[in-house]
Protein backbone atom coordinates (compact mmCIF):
# COMPACT_ATOMS: atom_id res chain seq x y z
CA MET A 1 27.35 14.87 -1.30
CA PHE A 2 24.69 12.87 0.47
CA SER A 3 23.90 12.28 4.14
CA ILE A 4 22.95 8.93 5.69
CA ILE A 5 20.69 9.34 8.72
CA ILE A 6 20.35 6.38 11.09
CA PRO A 7 17.86 6.63 14.00
CA VAL A 8 18.60 4.15 16.78
CA TYR A 9 17.30 3.05 20.15
CA ARG A 10 19.30 0.54 22.18
CA GLU A 11 21.25 -0.84 19.22
CA SER A 12 24.60 -1.30 20.99
CA GLU A 13 25.25 -4.61 19.22
CA SER A 14 23.81 -3.93 15.77
CA LEU A 15 24.92 -0.36 15.10
CA PRO A 16 28.71 -0.99 15.10
CA LEU A 17 28.18 -3.88 12.67
CA LEU A 18 26.11 -1.65 10.38
CA LEU A 19 28.61 1.22 10.49
CA GLN A 20 31.45 -1.13 9.56
CA GLU A 21 29.37 -2.52 6.71
CA ILE A 22 28.71 1.02 5.45
CA LYS A 23 32.46 1.70 5.41
CA ASP A 24 33.07 -1.55 3.55
CA VAL A 25 30.19 -1.39 1.06
CA VAL A 26 29.41 2.22 0.16
CA GLU A 27 31.20 3.12 -3.07
CA ALA A 28 30.80 6.91 -3.01
CA LYS A 29 33.54 8.98 -1.40
CA ASP A 30 31.58 12.12 -0.58
CA TYR A 31 29.07 11.17 2.11
CA GLU A 32 28.45 11.57 5.82
CA VAL A 33 26.74 9.42 8.45
CA ILE A 34 24.53 10.91 11.16
CA VAL A 35 23.34 8.67 14.00
CA VAL A 36 20.47 9.95 16.16
CA ASP A 37 20.33 7.91 19.35
CA ASP A 38 17.36 7.94 21.76
CA SER A 39 18.84 5.40 24.19
CA GLU A 40 18.66 6.27 27.89
CA ASP A 41 22.22 5.03 28.42
CA ASP A 42 25.55 5.53 26.63
CA ILE A 43 26.21 1.92 25.66
CA THR A 44 25.32 2.29 21.98
CA LYS A 45 27.35 5.51 21.77
CA ILE A 46 30.38 3.96 23.50
CA ASN A 47 30.34 0.85 21.30
CA SER A 48 30.15 2.98 18.16
CA ALA A 49 32.64 5.66 19.25
CA PRO A 50 35.60 4.43 17.13
CA PHE A 51 33.70 5.23 13.94
CA PHE A 52 33.36 8.90 14.92
CA VAL A 53 36.98 9.59 15.91
CA ASN A 54 38.72 11.88 13.41
CA SER A 55 35.66 11.71 11.21
CA SER A 56 33.10 14.11 9.78
CA TRP A 57 30.41 11.66 10.87
CA GLN A 58 28.05 12.97 13.57
CA TYR A 59 26.51 11.30 16.62
CA LEU A 60 23.49 13.00 18.20
CA HIS A 61 22.46 11.50 21.56
CA ARG A 62 19.09 12.86 22.68
CA GLU A 63 19.06 10.89 25.99
CA LYS A 64 15.30 10.45 25.86
CA ARG A 65 13.06 8.37 23.63
CA LEU A 66 11.31 11.02 21.53
CA GLY A 67 10.37 8.73 18.66
CA LEU A 68 11.91 7.49 15.43
CA SER A 69 10.16 10.02 13.21
CA SER A 70 11.41 13.02 15.18
CA ALA A 71 14.88 11.46 15.29
CA VAL A 72 14.92 11.30 11.50
CA ILE A 73 13.85 14.94 11.26
CA ASP A 74 16.55 16.04 13.72
CA GLY A 75 19.09 14.19 11.60
CA PHE A 76 17.78 15.77 8.40
CA ASN A 77 18.03 19.22 9.96
CA ILE A 78 21.76 18.98 10.68
CA ALA A 79 22.66 17.07 7.51
CA LYS A 80 24.97 18.78 5.01
CA GLY A 81 24.17 16.65 1.98
CA ASP A 82 22.07 17.56 -1.04
CA TRP A 83 20.30 14.22 -0.62
CA LEU A 84 19.17 12.64 2.66
CA ILE A 85 19.17 8.86 2.99
CA CYS A 86 17.35 7.23 5.90
CA MET A 87 17.93 3.66 7.02
CA ASP A 88 17.33 1.56 10.13
CA GLY A 89 20.12 0.99 12.63
CA ASP A 90 19.41 -2.70 13.23
CA GLY A 91 20.90 -3.98 9.98
CA SER A 92 17.63 -4.84 8.26
CA HIS A 93 18.51 -2.44 5.43
CA SER A 94 21.70 -3.41 3.62
CA PRO A 95 24.12 -0.53 2.91
CA GLU A 96 24.03 -1.78 -0.66
CA MET A 97 20.79 0.24 -0.83
CA ILE A 98 22.91 3.38 -0.42
CA ASN A 99 24.73 2.47 -3.63
CA ARG A 100 21.42 1.84 -5.37
CA PHE A 101 20.09 5.20 -4.25
CA ALA A 102 23.31 6.95 -5.30
CA GLU A 103 22.98 5.46 -8.78
CA ASN A 104 19.45 6.82 -9.14
CA LEU A 105 19.70 10.36 -7.72
CA ASN A 106 18.37 12.72 -10.38
CA GLU A 107 16.22 15.77 -10.98
CA LEU A 108 13.18 13.73 -12.03
CA ASN A 109 12.54 12.21 -8.62
CA SER A 110 12.42 14.04 -5.30
CA VAL A 111 12.01 10.85 -3.25
CA LEU A 112 13.45 7.36 -3.75
CA VAL A 113 11.83 4.55 -1.75
CA GLY A 114 13.50 1.28 -0.84
CA SER A 115 10.53 -0.98 -1.50
CA ARG A 116 9.97 -4.52 -0.33
CA TYR A 117 6.88 -4.88 -2.48
CA THR A 118 7.95 -3.54 -5.86
CA GLU A 119 9.30 -5.86 -8.55
CA GLY A 120 12.69 -7.17 -7.44
CA GLY A 121 12.11 -6.42 -3.74
CA SER A 122 11.86 -9.15 -1.10
CA LEU A 123 11.32 -10.04 2.55
CA ASP A 124 13.53 -12.41 4.51
CA SER A 125 11.69 -15.74 4.65
CA ASP A 126 12.34 -15.93 8.41
CA TRP A 127 10.67 -12.60 9.17
CA ALA A 128 7.82 -13.24 11.63
CA TRP A 129 4.55 -13.89 9.79
CA LEU A 130 2.64 -11.56 12.12
CA ARG A 131 5.03 -8.71 11.27
CA GLN A 132 4.50 -9.46 7.58
CA VAL A 133 0.73 -9.37 7.97
CA ILE A 134 0.84 -6.08 9.90
CA SER A 135 3.19 -4.50 7.36
CA LYS A 136 1.13 -5.49 4.33
CA SER A 137 -2.12 -4.53 6.07
CA PHE A 138 -0.82 -1.03 6.80
CA CYS A 139 0.27 -0.66 3.18
CA LEU A 140 -3.21 -1.62 1.99
CA PHE A 141 -4.86 0.75 4.45
CA VAL A 142 -2.89 3.73 3.13
CA ARG A 143 -3.32 2.87 -0.56
CA PRO A 144 -5.70 5.84 -1.08
CA LEU A 145 -3.01 8.21 0.21
CA THR A 146 -0.14 7.32 -2.11
CA ALA A 147 0.66 5.21 -5.17
CA VAL A 148 3.92 3.99 -3.57
CA THR A 149 3.65 0.26 -2.88
CA ASP A 150 5.76 0.38 0.31
CA PRO A 151 5.07 3.75 1.98
CA MET A 152 5.80 2.19 5.38
CA SER A 153 9.44 1.60 4.43
CA GLY A 154 12.12 3.02 6.69
CA CYS A 155 14.66 3.09 3.87
CA PHE A 156 14.38 6.06 1.53
CA ALA A 157 16.18 9.04 0.01
CA LEU A 158 14.88 12.61 -0.07
CA LYS A 159 16.12 15.83 -1.65
CA LYS A 160 17.35 18.19 1.08
CA SER A 161 15.91 21.15 -0.83
CA LEU A 162 12.43 19.62 -0.74
CA PHE A 163 12.77 18.88 2.97
CA ASN A 164 13.85 22.44 3.74
CA GLN A 165 10.97 23.83 1.72
CA LYS A 166 8.23 21.67 3.26
CA LYS A 167 9.45 20.57 6.70
CA SER A 168 7.17 22.97 8.58
CA LEU A 169 4.26 20.77 7.48
CA LEU A 170 5.55 17.79 9.42
CA SER A 171 4.18 16.78 12.82
CA PRO A 172 6.08 13.53 13.46
CA MET A 173 4.40 10.76 15.38
CA GLY A 174 5.25 7.07 15.63
CA TYR A 175 7.87 5.51 13.41
CA LYS A 176 6.67 5.91 9.81
CA ILE A 177 8.02 9.27 8.70
CA LEU A 178 8.15 8.36 4.99
CA LEU A 179 4.36 8.14 4.69
CA GLU A 180 3.94 11.59 6.23
CA ILE A 181 6.52 13.01 3.81
CA LEU A 182 4.80 11.45 0.81
CA VAL A 183 1.39 12.76 1.87
CA LYS A 184 2.16 16.20 3.25
CA PHE A 185 4.80 17.09 0.65
CA LYS A 186 2.37 15.87 -2.05
CA VAL A 187 5.07 13.78 -3.69
CA ASN A 188 3.88 12.44 -7.03
CA ASN A 189 7.24 11.64 -8.58
CA ALA A 190 8.61 9.11 -6.09
CA ARG A 191 10.58 6.22 -7.55
CA GLU A 192 10.71 2.79 -5.93
CA ILE A 193 14.04 0.95 -5.74
CA PRO A 194 13.91 -2.79 -4.93
CA LEU A 195 14.82 -3.52 -1.29
CA ASP A 196 15.85 -6.93 0.01
CA PHE A 197 14.64 -6.67 3.58
CA ARG A 198 16.70 -8.83 5.92
CA LEU A 199 16.56 -9.78 9.58
CA ARG A 200 18.13 -7.47 12.18
CA PHE A 201 21.72 -8.22 13.17
CA LYS A 202 21.23 -8.52 16.93
CA GLY A 203 18.61 -8.02 19.64
CA ASN A 204 14.85 -7.68 19.35
CA SER A 205 12.48 -5.29 17.66
CA LYS A 206 11.72 -2.11 19.63
CA ILE A 207 8.19 -1.80 18.25
CA THR A 208 5.64 -1.85 21.08
CA LEU A 209 1.85 -1.86 21.19
CA LYS A 210 1.99 1.83 22.13
CA ILE A 211 4.05 2.64 19.04
CA MET A 212 1.66 0.69 16.83
CA LEU A 213 -1.34 2.51 18.29
CA GLU A 214 0.43 5.83 17.70
CA SER A 215 0.93 4.81 14.09
CA VAL A 216 -2.77 4.07 13.69
CA VAL A 217 -3.65 7.48 15.14
CA HIS A 218 -1.10 9.04 12.81
CA LEU A 219 -2.72 7.38 9.80
CA PHE A 220 -6.10 8.83 10.68
CA LYS A 221 -4.52 12.26 11.07
CA LEU A 222 -3.01 11.94 7.60
CA TYR A 223 -6.41 11.01 6.16
CA LYS A 224 -7.83 14.08 7.89
CA PHE A 225 -5.04 16.20 6.42
CA VAL A 226 -5.86 15.00 2.90
CA ILE A 227 -9.62 15.47 3.31
CA SER A 228 -9.25 18.97 4.71
C-alpha cells in the first residue's frame, strides 16, 4: 500500500479536479489519499467532501497556515502506506506520476523524485519565465548539497520506514521539504523519474515574497547543517 499526501491552501477549484483525476488515472487498487488543508475557511473542504464520503481517504484541516513543509510532515505522520507520495494540490503534477512511482518502488531506492530537469522531464512552455529562472537558480544554488537535479520538486516518493527513522531531524520551513529530506536523511540512492510539469488547474500561485525569503533562510540553515 502507498499513501498520497496532498498539501493545499485555498485550492477549492483545483483540488476536486485533481482528486477526480486521481480516481480516474491511478492504476493501483491499494492506496489512500491524505489532504492536509491550511485554508482559513471551509470552502476547499466542502468542495472536496464527496471524495471522502464512505472512503478510507483522510482530510486534515489545520485551520491555520502553518506552511507546506509542515503540512507534508503531518500527512506523512498519519499515513498508513509503506511508501509516501507527495504531490501539489493545484494540478501541476499529473496523477500519472503516481503510476510511474508505483512502477519503480523497490529496495534499491529510498526516495524517488519527480524531476523536471532529468532526461525526459519537461516544463510547460507557458510557465512564467520568472518562475523558471527562480526554480533553476535555486537548483543551481543547492548543487553542492545533493546530486539530484531537481531537489526543489514537490513531487516525490519516500519510504515510510526511512521517514519514521529520521523524522526527528526535520525542522520544516518554507515549502521545499524534499531538499531537507535529501540533505538531513543523507539520501545517496535517490532515483529521478521524469516529470512533465504542467500549469495549475485554477487560481493563482500561493508563493509570496515571505515564503521565498523563508526558503532562502532554510537553504542557509541546510548548508550550516552539512558544514557542522
